[in-house]
Amino acid sequence: MKDHTLSQSNAEKAIDLSQSNQLGQSDEVNIQKVNSNINLASTRTVEDILSELKRILQIGNKGRVVQFSENLFRLENSDVQMELEVCQGDSYNGLQVRRISGDKGHYRQLCHDLLSGINL
């Protein structure tokens, strides 16, 4: 599997918030926790979710971000390793967050910090 580090220039190209839809009244978000996984379901497009995820990963400087594929990212810092994957479904698209290693408390705090600013 080939690693691609998310560089500032790639993120800027991918993020054009002026063209993305804002979360409207008809959009729905469903949050589900499973052990160390968090699943967020949204009616937004995969492209909108990817754009929002890249924006959140660029701000806040939470650790080193490695992009494994177009939809899969790994965030690593001294306390936690986690994966963030944008998934496409039949009725909903979503974001799945998985703890790979590290302390559960640090993982929960990092998830809170990242996901409190995301607009799905």
C-alpha atoms as a PDB file:
ATOM      1  CA  MET A   1       0.000   0.000   0.000  1.00  0.00           C
ATOM      2  CA  LYS A   2       1.500   3.337  -0.990  1.00  0.00           C
ATOM      3  CA  ASP A   3       1.601   6.201   1.537  1.00  0.00           C
ATOM      4  CA  HIS A   4       0.758   9.722   0.431  1.00  0.00           C
ATOM      5  CA  THR A   5       1.375  12.469   2.950  1.00  0.00           C
ATOM      6  CA  LEU A   6      -1.350  15.094   2.813  1.00  0.00           C
ATOM      7  CA  SER A   7       0.570  18.230   1.918  1.00  0.00           C
ATOM      8  CA  GLN A   8      -0.651  21.770   2.375  1.00  0.00           C
ATOM      9  CA  SER A   9      -0.907  22.334  -1.390  1.00  0.00           C
ATOM     10  CA  ASN A  10      -2.924  19.144  -1.973  1.00  0.00           C
ATOM     11  CA  ALA A  11      -5.302  20.031   0.832  1.00  0.00           C
ATOM     12  CA  GLU A  12      -5.782  23.549  -0.523  1.00  0.00           C
ATOM     13  CA  LYS A  13      -6.609  22.161  -3.965  1.00  0.00           C
ATOM     14  CA  ALA A  14      -9.086  19.694  -2.503  1.00  0.00           C
ATOM     15  CA  ILE A  15     -10.764  22.199  -0.214  1.00  0.00           C
ATOM     16  CA  ASP A  16     -12.989  24.770  -1.872  1.00  0.00           C
ATOM     17  CA  LEU A  17     -15.555  25.625   0.762  1.00  0.00           C
ATOM     18  CA  SER A  18     -17.167  28.267  -1.428  1.00  0.00           C
ATOM     19  CA  GLN A  19     -18.592  25.505  -3.638  1.00  0.00           C
ATOM     20  CA  SER A  20     -19.586  23.039  -0.924  1.00  0.00           C
ATOM     21  CA  ASN A  21     -23.138  22.921   0.379  1.00  0.00           C
ATOM     22  CA  GLN A  22     -23.801  24.106   3.892  1.00  0.00           C
ATOM     23  CA  LEU A  23     -25.601  21.803   6.279  1.00  0.00           C
ATOM     24  CA  GLY A  24     -29.276  22.555   5.701  1.00  0.00           C
ATOM     25  CA  GLN A  25     -32.437  21.775   7.588  1.00  0.00           C
ATOM     26  CA  SER A  26     -33.127  18.684   5.455  1.00  0.00           C
ATOM     27  CA  ASP A  27     -29.667  17.158   6.005  1.00  0.00           C
ATOM     28  CA  GLU A  28     -29.438  14.472   8.677  1.00  0.00           C
ATOM     29  CA  VAL A  29     -26.472  13.282  10.707  1.00  0.00           C
ATOM     30  CA  ASN A  30     -26.511   9.989  12.592  1.00  0.00           C
ATOM     31  CA  ILE A  31     -23.750   9.209  15.111  1.00  0.00           C
ATOM     32  CA  GLN A  32     -23.092   5.640  16.237  1.00  0.00           C
ATOM     33  CA  LYS A  33     -20.349   4.481  18.637  1.00  0.00           C
ATOM     34  CA  VAL A  34     -19.086   0.905  18.443  1.00  0.00           C
ATOM     35  CA  ASN A  35     -16.246   0.083  20.879  1.00  0.00           C
ATOM     36  CA  SER A  36     -13.389   2.291  19.651  1.00  0.00           C
ATOM     37  CA  ASN A  37     -15.130   3.108  16.377  1.00  0.00           C
ATOM     38  CA  ILE A  38     -17.298   6.109  15.605  1.00  0.00           C
ATOM     39  CA  ASN A  39     -19.608   6.082  12.589  1.00  0.00           C
ATOM     40  CA  LEU A  40     -21.131   9.332  11.334  1.00  0.00           C
ATOM     41  CA  ALA A  41     -23.828   9.127   8.659  1.00  0.00           C
ATOM     42  CA  SER A  42     -24.722  12.140   6.537  1.00  0.00           C
ATOM     43  CA  THR A  43     -26.816  13.025   3.521  1.00  0.00           C
ATOM     44  CA  ARG A  44     -23.923  15.100   2.136  1.00  0.00           C
ATOM     45  CA  THR A  45     -21.933  13.860  -0.860  1.00  0.00           C
ATOM     46  CA  VAL A  46     -18.689  11.922  -0.456  1.00  0.00           C
ATOM     47  CA  GLU A  47     -16.846  14.882  -1.988  1.00  0.00           C
ATOM     48  CA  ASP A  48     -18.350  17.287   0.572  1.00  0.00           C
ATOM     49  CA  ILE A  49     -17.425  14.968   3.450  1.00  0.00           C
ATOM     50  CA  LEU A  50     -13.866  14.572   2.103  1.00  0.00           C
ATOM     51  CA  SER A  51     -13.510  18.321   1.749  1.00  0.00           C
ATOM     52  CA  GLU A  52     -14.733  18.891   5.295  1.00  0.00           C
ATOM     53  CA  LEU A  53     -12.459  16.149   6.685  1.00  0.00           C
ATOM     54  CA  LYS A  54      -9.399  17.617   4.954  1.00  0.00           C
ATOM     55  CA  ARG A  55     -10.279  21.058   6.319  1.00  0.00           C
ATOM     56  CA  ILE A  56     -10.541  19.711   9.873  1.00  0.00           C
ATOM     57  CA  LEU A  57      -7.277  17.767   9.569  1.00  0.00           C
ATOM     58  CA  GLN A  58      -5.416  20.866   8.354  1.00  0.00           C
ATOM     59  CA  ILE A  59      -6.521  23.089  11.233  1.00  0.00           C
ATOM     60  CA  GLY A  60      -5.654  22.261  14.794  1.00  0.00           C
ATOM     61  CA  ASN A  61      -2.343  20.482  14.152  1.00  0.00           C
ATOM     62  CA  LYS A  62      -3.383  17.263  15.954  1.00  0.00           C
ATOM     63  CA  GLY A  63      -0.610  15.084  14.563  1.00  0.00           C
ATOM     64  CA  ARG A  64       0.930  13.668  11.402  1.00  0.00           C
ATOM     65  CA  VAL A  65      -1.642  12.891   8.696  1.00  0.00           C
ATOM     66  CA  VAL A  66      -0.955  10.202   6.091  1.00  0.00           C
ATOM     67  CA  GLN A  67      -3.346   9.709   3.186  1.00  0.00           C
ATOM     68  CA  PHE A  68      -3.486   6.019   2.172  1.00  0.00           C
ATOM     69  CA  SER A  69      -6.117   6.419  -0.525  1.00  0.00           C
ATOM     70  CA  GLU A  70      -8.553   9.066  -1.684  1.00  0.00           C
ATOM     71  CA  ASN A  71     -10.971   8.210   1.146  1.00  0.00           C
ATOM     72  CA  LEU A  72      -8.677   6.844   3.907  1.00  0.00           C
ATOM     73  CA  PHE A  73      -6.473   8.870   6.253  1.00  0.00           C
ATOM     74  CA  ARG A  74      -4.367   7.939   9.275  1.00  0.00           C
ATOM     75  CA  LEU A  75      -3.698  10.424  12.051  1.00  0.00           C
ATOM     76  CA  GLU A  76      -0.714   9.703  14.291  1.00  0.00           C
ATOM     77  CA  ASN A  77       0.562  11.573  17.315  1.00  0.00           C
ATOM     78  CA  SER A  78       2.538  10.571  20.407  1.00  0.00           C
ATOM     79  CA  ASP A  79      -0.575   9.201  22.166  1.00  0.00           C
ATOM     80  CA  VAL A  80      -2.885   7.731  19.506  1.00  0.00           C
ATOM     81  CA  GLN A  81      -3.034   6.273  15.998  1.00  0.00           C
ATOM     82  CA  MET A  82      -6.422   6.434  14.300  1.00  0.00           C
ATOM     83  CA  GLU A  83      -7.939   5.995  10.849  1.00  0.00           C
ATOM     84  CA  LEU A  84     -10.601   8.194   9.317  1.00  0.00           C
ATOM     85  CA  GLU A  85     -12.421   6.798   6.288  1.00  0.00           C
ATOM     86  CA  VAL A  86     -15.111   8.405   4.151  1.00  0.00           C
ATOM     87  CA  CYS A  87     -17.601   5.715   3.105  1.00  0.00           C
ATOM     88  CA  GLN A  88     -20.287   5.705   0.422  1.00  0.00           C
ATOM     89  CA  GLY A  89     -23.603   4.002   1.132  1.00  0.00           C
ATOM     90  CA  ASP A  90     -26.934   3.519  -0.603  1.00  0.00           C
ATOM     91  CA  SER A  91     -28.967   6.090   1.332  1.00  0.00           C
ATOM     92  CA  TYR A  92     -26.283   7.831   3.366  1.00  0.00           C
ATOM     93  CA  ASN A  93     -22.600   8.552   3.085  1.00  0.00           C
ATOM     94  CA  GLY A  94     -20.478   8.756   6.159  1.00  0.00           C
ATOM     95  CA  LEU A  95     -17.276   9.006   8.103  1.00  0.00           C
ATOM     96  CA  GLN A  96     -15.879   6.093  10.082  1.00  0.00           C
ATOM     97  CA  VAL A  97     -13.237   6.755  12.740  1.00  0.00           C
ATOM     98  CA  ARG A  98     -11.236   3.817  14.152  1.00  0.00           C
ATOM     99  CA  ARG A  99      -8.657   3.729  16.951  1.00  0.00           C
ATOM    100  CA  ILE A 100      -5.635   1.719  15.796  1.00  0.00           C
ATOM    101  CA  SER A 101      -3.549   2.039  18.949  1.00  0.00           C
ATOM    102  CA  GLY A 102      -3.080   4.225  21.959  1.00  0.00           C
ATOM    103  CA  ASP A 103      -4.912   5.288  25.070  1.00  0.00           C
ATOM    104  CA  LYS A 104      -8.728   5.305  24.906  1.00  0.00           C
ATOM    105  CA  GLY A 105      -8.937   8.557  26.856  1.00  0.00           C
ATOM    106  CA  HIS A 106      -6.596  10.350  24.446  1.00  0.00           C
ATOM    107  CA  TYR A 107      -8.520   8.837  21.516  1.00  0.00           C
ATOM    108  CA  ARG A 108     -11.840  10.102  22.894  1.00  0.00           C
ATOM    109  CA  GLN A 109     -10.393  13.579  23.455  1.00  0.00           C
ATOM    110  CA  LEU A 110      -8.884  13.688  19.961  1.00  0.00           C
ATOM    111  CA  CYS A 111     -12.196  12.544  18.439  1.00  0.00           C
ATOM    112  CA  HIS A 112     -14.021  15.231  20.394  1.00  0.00           C
ATOM    113  CA  ASP A 113     -11.553  17.897  19.248  1.00  0.00           C
ATOM    114  CA  LEU A 114     -11.761  16.830  15.599  1.00  0.00           C
ATOM    115  CA  LEU A 115     -15.459  16.061  15.322  1.00  0.00           C
ATOM    116  CA  SER A 116     -16.743  19.048  17.278  1.00  0.00           C
ATOM    117  CA  GLY A 117     -15.573  21.273  14.429  1.00  0.00           C
ATOM    118  CA  ILE A 118     -16.740  19.130  11.514  1.00  0.00           C
ATOM    119  CA  ASN A 119     -19.824  20.140   9.543  1.00  0.00           C
ATOM    120  CA  LEU A 120     -21.504  16.991   8.238  1.00  0.00           C
END
